[in-house]
Amino acid sequence: MSDLKTLETELLAAVEAAADLSALEEVRVRALGKKGQVSGLMKGLGDMAPEERKSYGQNINGLKERIGEALGERRAGLEAEDMAQRLASEQADISLPVRVGPLAEGRVHPVSQVMDEIAEIFGDMGFSIAEGPDIETDENNFTALNIPPEHPARQEHDTFYFGGQPDGSRALLRTHTSPVQIRTMRKEKPPIRIIAPGRVYRCDSDQTHTPMFHQVEGLVIDEETHLGHLKWVLEEFCKAFFEVDAIKMRFRASHFPFTEPSLEVDIGYAKVGDELRIGQGEEWLEILGCGMVHPNVLANVDLDPNVYQGFAFGVGIDRLAMLKYGMPDLRAFFAADLAWLKHYGFSSLNVPTLSGGLSS
């Protein structure tokens, strides 16, 4: 029994003398590990008489409990001391910036931003937004728009067609948003004043063309609209979009199957270094096509061309974004490059308004 008392005194002194958690763990292993001093005492129980074994075993278990309690108390004390030392030596620099989070890190794609800018401008002029499906019929995409069967745009080298139907018809990916105009004129009665933004598809790919791009078209139908109204709308749009006080525009005669007369519109610009300054200089840049809606198109949607008339125009949204924000390659718009988007993208809180400035 005196041996147990001596061992207990020795082990408790070692526990108390442990200077850190590592030293304390060494004491625990030496005392209570598989080959520890207390564990070794259990091996002699088999040679003892039953009564002696019972009494001695109880004493060893009591020793284990007391050593275990002492180890636990010393561990708690050492952990508290360690925490106190860390708190005294380690300091948090509250001046360090916090992570800004997705609201500040996220970026609106330039195409989405420009769409919002366009909607803001035309909404102020009284236009509403009309939408339609990306997959269209040949009738809506070509025939109703007075595009003849032999027109190059109807060939497979220019248009994405789906497989043929039993009746011989073939659906296609719309090549412009003009089918939205057809759907609107068949559904609504004049006066009509809409813009139709959306994705369009053509078999083309280079620095300024992609197989899928974005376009916005405008349509006005009533009994009195004329070319003067068209010119005013386009001039006001260009001034608001490019955020200039004055703009030079040139209207050139052209040909589109769905308008008569048809016009292409150029805007004046000056090149200063790598920068295009819209509204200045003597250079000209083609920007969009437009014209008065062809009487055949009105007849195809059951509107009397002797009563109704109007104008239509179309412009590439991606091209507008490139011109306004200086992006040289259209293919980068769809490359999912995060560095590009962080450079050219817009804050989610930067909502375009005419009063606050479209791109402010």
Protein backbone atom coordinates (compact mmCIF):
# COMPACT_ATOMS: atom_id res chain seq x y z
CA MET A 1 0.00 0.00 0.00
CA SER A 2 2.89 2.33 0.77
CA ASP A 3 4.16 1.74 -2.75
CA LEU A 4 0.87 3.06 -4.15
CA LYS A 5 1.06 6.13 -1.93
CA THR A 6 4.63 6.80 -3.03
CA LEU A 7 3.70 6.37 -6.69
CA GLU A 8 0.69 8.63 -6.32
CA THR A 9 2.78 11.34 -4.70
CA GLU A 10 5.36 11.07 -7.43
CA LEU A 11 2.83 11.18 -10.27
CA LEU A 12 0.84 14.08 -8.79
CA ALA A 13 4.08 16.03 -8.42
CA ALA A 14 4.93 15.30 -12.09
CA VAL A 15 1.46 16.46 -13.15
CA GLU A 16 1.83 19.68 -11.21
CA ALA A 17 5.32 20.25 -12.61
CA ALA A 18 4.25 19.87 -16.26
CA ALA A 19 5.04 23.22 -17.86
CA ASP A 20 2.95 22.80 -21.01
CA LEU A 21 0.44 20.52 -22.67
CA SER A 22 3.15 18.49 -24.37
CA ALA A 23 4.89 17.75 -21.05
CA LEU A 24 1.54 16.93 -19.47
CA GLU A 25 0.82 14.42 -22.22
CA GLU A 26 4.13 12.71 -21.52
CA VAL A 27 3.16 12.38 -17.85
CA ARG A 28 -0.23 10.93 -18.81
CA VAL A 29 1.37 8.30 -21.06
CA ARG A 30 3.97 7.43 -18.42
CA ALA A 31 1.28 7.00 -15.79
CA LEU A 32 -1.84 5.71 -17.55
CA GLY A 33 -0.65 4.54 -20.97
CA LYS A 34 -0.69 0.86 -21.96
CA LYS A 35 2.82 0.47 -20.66
CA GLY A 36 2.45 3.11 -17.94
CA GLN A 37 3.29 2.73 -14.28
CA VAL A 38 -0.31 2.42 -13.08
CA SER A 39 -1.24 0.07 -15.89
CA GLY A 40 1.77 -2.09 -14.99
CA LEU A 41 0.44 -2.61 -11.46
CA MET A 42 -2.61 -4.38 -12.87
CA LYS A 43 -0.44 -7.18 -14.23
CA GLY A 44 0.37 -8.44 -10.70
CA LEU A 45 -3.25 -8.98 -9.73
CA GLY A 46 -3.32 -12.48 -11.20
CA ASP A 47 -0.82 -13.79 -8.63
CA MET A 48 -2.80 -12.56 -5.61
CA ALA A 49 -5.39 -14.29 -3.46
CA PRO A 50 -9.02 -13.36 -4.30
CA GLU A 51 -9.55 -11.13 -1.24
CA GLU A 52 -6.21 -9.42 -1.62
CA ARG A 53 -6.80 -9.01 -5.39
CA LYS A 54 -10.15 -7.29 -4.77
CA SER A 55 -8.74 -4.84 -2.25
CA TYR A 56 -5.61 -4.11 -4.27
CA GLY A 57 -7.59 -3.68 -7.51
CA GLN A 58 -9.89 -1.14 -5.84
CA ASN A 59 -6.86 0.81 -4.64
CA ILE A 60 -5.33 0.83 -8.16
CA ASN A 61 -8.64 2.03 -9.69
CA GLY A 62 -8.82 4.77 -7.10
CA LEU A 63 -5.28 5.78 -7.99
CA LYS A 64 -6.18 5.91 -11.70
CA GLU A 65 -9.19 8.12 -11.00
CA ARG A 66 -7.21 10.54 -8.83
CA ILE A 67 -4.38 10.76 -11.37
CA GLY A 68 -6.95 11.23 -14.18
CA GLU A 69 -8.69 14.06 -12.27
CA ALA A 70 -5.35 15.72 -11.58
CA LEU A 71 -4.44 15.47 -15.27
CA GLY A 72 -7.78 17.00 -16.28
CA GLU A 73 -7.45 19.90 -13.87
CA ARG A 74 -3.87 20.57 -14.92
CA ARG A 75 -4.87 20.40 -18.63
CA ALA A 76 -7.63 22.97 -18.08
CA GLY A 77 -5.19 25.24 -16.24
CA LEU A 78 -2.54 24.97 -18.96
CA GLU A 79 -5.13 25.63 -21.72
CA ALA A 80 -6.31 28.73 -19.87
CA GLU A 81 -2.74 29.94 -19.48
CA ASP A 82 -2.08 29.26 -23.18
CA MET A 83 -5.19 31.19 -24.22
CA ALA A 84 -4.24 34.10 -21.99
CA GLN A 85 -0.78 34.24 -23.54
CA ARG A 86 -2.23 34.11 -27.07
CA LEU A 87 -4.72 36.87 -26.29
CA ALA A 88 -1.89 38.98 -24.93
CA SER A 89 0.43 38.38 -27.87
CA GLU A 90 -1.99 38.08 -30.83
CA GLN A 91 -3.99 41.11 -31.91
CA ALA A 92 -6.64 41.52 -34.58
CA ASP A 93 -6.03 44.43 -36.94
CA ILE A 94 -9.53 45.86 -37.20
CA SER A 95 -8.32 48.31 -39.84
CA LEU A 96 -7.95 45.50 -42.40
CA PRO A 97 -10.68 45.65 -45.07
CA VAL A 98 -13.44 43.07 -44.90
CA ARG A 99 -14.36 40.94 -47.90
CA VAL A 100 -16.70 43.02 -50.01
CA GLY A 101 -19.02 40.14 -50.91
CA PRO A 102 -20.99 39.24 -54.06
CA LEU A 103 -23.02 42.46 -54.23
CA ALA A 104 -19.87 44.50 -54.78
CA GLU A 105 -17.82 41.80 -56.56
CA GLY A 106 -20.54 40.73 -59.02
CA ARG A 107 -20.70 42.41 -62.44
CA VAL A 108 -23.53 43.02 -64.89
CA HIS A 109 -22.54 41.97 -68.42
CA PRO A 110 -22.17 44.92 -70.84
CA VAL A 111 -24.88 43.46 -73.11
CA SER A 112 -27.37 43.39 -70.23
CA GLN A 113 -26.36 46.91 -69.24
CA VAL A 114 -26.80 48.26 -72.77
CA MET A 115 -30.19 46.54 -73.05
CA ASP A 116 -31.27 48.37 -69.90
CA GLU A 117 -29.95 51.65 -71.28
CA ILE A 118 -31.89 51.16 -74.53
CA ALA A 119 -35.07 50.24 -72.66
CA GLU A 120 -34.71 53.37 -70.51
CA ILE A 121 -34.32 55.65 -73.54
CA PHE A 122 -37.20 54.25 -75.58
CA GLY A 123 -39.39 53.89 -72.51
CA ASP A 124 -39.04 57.65 -72.06
CA MET A 125 -40.28 58.07 -75.67
CA GLY A 126 -43.38 55.98 -74.98
CA PHE A 127 -42.23 52.67 -76.46
CA SER A 128 -43.10 49.37 -74.79
CA ILE A 129 -41.03 46.18 -74.91
CA ALA A 130 -42.25 43.19 -76.93
CA GLU A 131 -40.75 39.70 -76.87
CA GLY A 132 -40.99 36.52 -78.90
CA PRO A 133 -39.49 33.01 -79.12
CA ASP A 134 -35.97 32.31 -80.36
CA ILE A 135 -37.27 29.39 -82.45
CA GLU A 136 -39.44 30.77 -85.23
CA THR A 137 -41.42 29.71 -88.27
CA ASP A 138 -40.28 30.44 -91.81
CA GLU A 139 -43.50 32.42 -92.22
CA ASN A 140 -42.80 34.84 -89.38
CA ASN A 141 -39.08 35.13 -90.00
CA PHE A 142 -39.13 35.54 -93.79
CA THR A 143 -42.41 35.27 -95.73
CA ALA A 144 -44.51 37.75 -93.74
CA LEU A 145 -41.60 40.21 -93.92
CA ASN A 146 -41.74 40.26 -97.72
CA ILE A 147 -38.47 38.31 -98.07
CA PRO A 148 -38.65 36.32 -101.35
CA PRO A 149 -37.88 32.57 -101.51
CA GLU A 150 -34.65 33.13 -103.46
CA HIS A 151 -33.23 35.66 -100.99
CA PRO A 152 -29.71 34.70 -99.73
CA ALA A 153 -30.76 35.08 -96.10
CA ARG A 154 -33.05 32.06 -96.51
CA GLN A 155 -30.18 29.77 -97.50
CA GLU A 156 -28.59 27.31 -95.07
CA HIS A 157 -25.23 29.05 -95.27
CA ASP A 158 -26.81 32.00 -93.46
CA THR A 159 -29.63 30.55 -91.32
CA PHE A 160 -29.79 27.76 -88.72
CA TYR A 161 -32.63 25.41 -89.67
CA PHE A 162 -34.12 22.52 -87.71
CA GLY A 163 -35.19 19.22 -89.25
CA GLY A 164 -38.14 19.15 -91.62
CA GLN A 165 -41.72 18.45 -90.48
CA PRO A 166 -44.15 16.04 -92.19
CA ASP A 167 -45.85 19.01 -93.89
CA GLY A 168 -42.48 20.12 -95.34
CA SER A 169 -42.05 23.13 -93.03
CA ARG A 170 -38.85 23.73 -91.10
CA ALA A 171 -38.45 25.71 -87.89
CA LEU A 172 -35.39 27.93 -87.56
CA LEU A 173 -33.45 30.07 -85.12
CA ARG A 174 -34.62 33.60 -85.79
CA THR A 175 -32.14 35.68 -87.79
CA HIS A 176 -33.52 38.99 -86.47
CA THR A 177 -36.12 40.14 -83.97
CA SER A 178 -38.44 41.24 -86.80
CA PRO A 179 -40.74 38.22 -86.19
CA VAL A 180 -41.67 39.92 -82.93
CA GLN A 181 -43.00 42.81 -85.02
CA ILE A 182 -45.11 40.38 -87.08
CA ARG A 183 -46.49 38.72 -83.95
CA THR A 184 -47.27 42.10 -82.38
CA MET A 185 -49.06 43.48 -85.46
CA ARG A 186 -51.17 40.32 -85.69
CA LYS A 187 -52.08 40.47 -82.01
CA GLU A 188 -52.54 44.22 -81.41
CA LYS A 189 -54.35 46.97 -83.24
CA PRO A 190 -52.61 50.27 -84.12
CA PRO A 191 -51.34 52.55 -82.80
CA ILE A 192 -48.28 50.39 -82.06
CA ARG A 193 -45.02 51.62 -80.61
CA ILE A 194 -42.64 48.87 -79.51
CA ILE A 195 -39.01 47.85 -79.30
CA ALA A 196 -38.02 44.16 -79.57
CA PRO A 197 -34.65 43.33 -77.97
CA GLY A 198 -33.32 39.79 -77.90
CA ARG A 199 -30.93 37.11 -79.15
CA VAL A 200 -30.64 36.34 -82.86
CA TYR A 201 -28.66 33.72 -84.77
CA ARG A 202 -26.73 33.64 -88.04
CA CYS A 203 -24.00 31.42 -89.52
CA ASP A 204 -21.14 33.86 -89.08
CA SER A 205 -18.08 34.15 -86.84
CA ASP A 206 -15.15 36.59 -86.81
CA GLN A 207 -13.89 39.55 -84.78
CA THR A 208 -17.12 41.52 -85.29
CA HIS A 209 -19.61 38.67 -85.87
CA THR A 210 -20.70 35.71 -83.77
CA PRO A 211 -23.24 32.94 -84.48
CA MET A 212 -25.40 34.29 -81.67
CA PHE A 213 -25.67 38.01 -80.97
CA HIS A 214 -28.17 40.58 -79.70
CA GLN A 215 -30.35 42.97 -81.60
CA VAL A 216 -33.05 45.51 -80.87
CA GLU A 217 -35.66 46.54 -83.41
CA GLY A 218 -38.24 49.27 -83.19
CA LEU A 219 -41.66 49.53 -84.79
CA VAL A 220 -44.21 52.34 -84.97
CA ILE A 221 -47.53 51.85 -86.77
CA ASP A 222 -50.35 54.40 -86.95
CA GLU A 223 -52.11 56.54 -89.54
CA GLU A 224 -49.77 59.54 -89.63
CA THR A 225 -46.17 58.51 -88.89
CA HIS A 226 -43.62 59.54 -91.53
CA LEU A 227 -39.85 59.64 -92.15
CA GLY A 228 -39.49 62.85 -90.19
CA HIS A 229 -40.66 61.07 -87.06
CA LEU A 230 -38.21 58.23 -87.73
CA LYS A 231 -35.28 60.62 -88.09
CA TRP A 232 -36.20 62.42 -84.87
CA VAL A 233 -36.51 59.17 -82.88
CA LEU A 234 -33.13 57.91 -84.09
CA GLU A 235 -31.41 61.22 -83.45
CA GLU A 236 -32.78 61.44 -79.91
CA PHE A 237 -31.84 57.84 -79.24
CA CYS A 238 -28.24 58.31 -80.41
CA LYS A 239 -27.78 61.50 -78.39
CA ALA A 240 -29.14 59.87 -75.24
CA PHE A 241 -27.28 56.58 -75.69
CA PHE A 242 -23.86 58.08 -76.47
CA GLU A 243 -24.53 60.86 -73.92
CA VAL A 244 -23.69 63.77 -76.20
CA ASP A 245 -25.47 67.08 -76.70
CA ALA A 246 -25.40 66.94 -80.49
CA ILE A 247 -24.85 64.26 -83.09
CA LYS A 248 -24.27 64.25 -86.83
CA MET A 249 -26.33 61.71 -88.75
CA ARG A 250 -26.38 60.74 -92.42
CA PHE A 251 -29.20 58.78 -94.05
CA ARG A 252 -28.27 56.77 -97.15
CA ALA A 253 -30.66 55.02 -99.49
CA SER A 254 -30.53 51.24 -99.21
CA HIS A 255 -32.73 48.19 -99.75
CA PHE A 256 -34.45 45.91 -97.26
CA PRO A 257 -37.36 43.69 -98.33
CA PHE A 258 -39.50 44.75 -95.40
CA THR A 259 -39.16 48.55 -95.71
CA GLU A 260 -39.77 51.03 -98.52
CA PRO A 261 -38.05 53.42 -98.68
CA SER A 262 -35.09 51.82 -96.87
CA LEU A 263 -32.23 53.73 -95.29
CA GLU A 264 -28.89 53.06 -93.66
CA VAL A 265 -27.81 55.47 -90.96
CA ASP A 266 -24.26 56.74 -90.35
CA ILE A 267 -23.12 58.81 -87.39
CA GLY A 268 -20.22 61.25 -87.34
CA TYR A 269 -17.18 60.54 -85.22
CA ALA A 270 -13.57 61.50 -84.67
CA LYS A 271 -10.77 59.08 -83.78
CA VAL A 272 -8.38 60.39 -81.13
CA GLY A 273 -5.71 57.79 -80.48
CA ASP A 274 -7.60 54.56 -79.87
CA GLU A 275 -10.73 56.41 -78.79
CA LEU A 276 -13.84 57.00 -80.94
CA ARG A 277 -15.55 60.26 -80.09
CA ILE A 278 -19.14 60.15 -81.26
CA GLY A 279 -20.62 63.46 -82.37
CA GLN A 280 -17.27 64.98 -83.34
CA GLY A 281 -15.08 64.95 -86.44
CA GLU A 282 -15.70 64.32 -90.12
CA GLU A 283 -15.56 60.51 -90.25
CA TRP A 284 -18.69 58.40 -90.74
CA LEU A 285 -19.65 55.10 -89.12
CA GLU A 286 -22.60 52.94 -90.15
CA ILE A 287 -24.74 52.14 -87.13
CA LEU A 288 -28.19 50.82 -88.14
CA GLY A 289 -30.77 50.19 -90.84
CA CYS A 290 -34.29 51.56 -90.99
CA GLY A 291 -37.15 52.60 -93.25
CA MET A 292 -40.90 52.89 -93.69
CA VAL A 293 -42.72 49.57 -93.24
CA HIS A 294 -43.37 48.00 -96.64
CA PRO A 295 -47.07 47.93 -97.65
CA ASN A 296 -46.77 44.19 -98.35
CA VAL A 297 -45.75 43.59 -94.72
CA LEU A 298 -48.82 45.49 -93.52
CA ALA A 299 -51.03 43.47 -95.85
CA ASN A 300 -49.49 40.22 -94.62
CA VAL A 301 -50.63 40.99 -91.07
CA ASP A 302 -54.12 42.12 -92.19
CA LEU A 303 -53.51 45.85 -91.81
CA ASP A 304 -54.76 48.07 -94.64
CA PRO A 305 -51.69 49.84 -96.14
CA ASN A 306 -54.03 52.54 -97.45
CA VAL A 307 -54.91 53.43 -93.86
CA TYR A 308 -51.86 52.55 -91.81
CA GLN A 309 -48.19 53.32 -92.18
CA GLY A 310 -45.16 53.40 -89.94
CA PHE A 311 -41.43 52.91 -89.61
CA ALA A 312 -39.06 50.23 -88.36
CA PHE A 313 -35.38 50.15 -87.45
CA GLY A 314 -32.84 47.62 -86.22
CA VAL A 315 -29.44 47.86 -84.54
CA GLY A 316 -27.00 45.38 -83.03
CA ILE A 317 -26.82 45.70 -79.25
CA ASP A 318 -23.35 44.15 -79.09
CA ARG A 319 -22.11 46.64 -81.68
CA LEU A 320 -23.52 49.54 -79.66
CA ALA A 321 -21.73 48.24 -76.56
CA MET A 322 -18.44 47.95 -78.46
CA LEU A 323 -18.73 51.50 -79.78
CA LYS A 324 -19.70 53.10 -76.48
CA TYR A 325 -17.39 51.22 -74.13
CA GLY A 326 -14.38 50.57 -76.38
CA MET A 327 -14.45 46.77 -76.58
CA PRO A 328 -12.46 45.62 -79.64
CA ASP A 329 -13.49 41.97 -80.06
CA LEU A 330 -17.07 40.73 -80.10
CA ARG A 331 -16.02 37.13 -79.37
CA ALA A 332 -14.88 38.14 -75.87
CA PHE A 333 -18.53 38.90 -75.02
CA PHE A 334 -19.25 35.17 -74.88
CA ALA A 335 -15.91 33.77 -73.64
CA ALA A 336 -16.92 33.70 -69.93
CA ASP A 337 -13.62 35.40 -69.02
CA LEU A 338 -13.93 36.65 -65.43
CA ALA A 339 -11.05 39.14 -65.81
CA TRP A 340 -12.74 40.62 -68.90
CA LEU A 341 -16.07 40.86 -67.09
CA LYS A 342 -14.50 42.56 -64.08
CA HIS A 343 -12.89 45.12 -66.40
CA TYR A 344 -15.87 45.85 -68.66
CA GLY A 345 -18.77 44.82 -66.42
CA PHE A 346 -21.00 47.12 -64.39
CA SER A 347 -21.91 47.22 -60.72
CA SER A 348 -25.24 45.60 -59.93
CA LEU A 349 -26.30 48.89 -58.33
CA ASN A 350 -25.50 50.92 -61.46
CA VAL A 351 -29.05 51.12 -62.82
CA PRO A 352 -29.27 53.26 -65.98
CA THR A 353 -31.49 56.33 -65.72
CA LEU A 354 -31.78 59.32 -68.02
CA SER A 355 -31.85 61.69 -65.06
CA GLY A 356 -28.80 60.21 -63.35
CA GLY A 357 -26.82 59.39 -66.48
CA LEU A 358 -26.95 56.07 -68.30
CA SER A 359 -23.38 54.98 -67.60
CA SER A 360 -22.63 56.98 -64.44
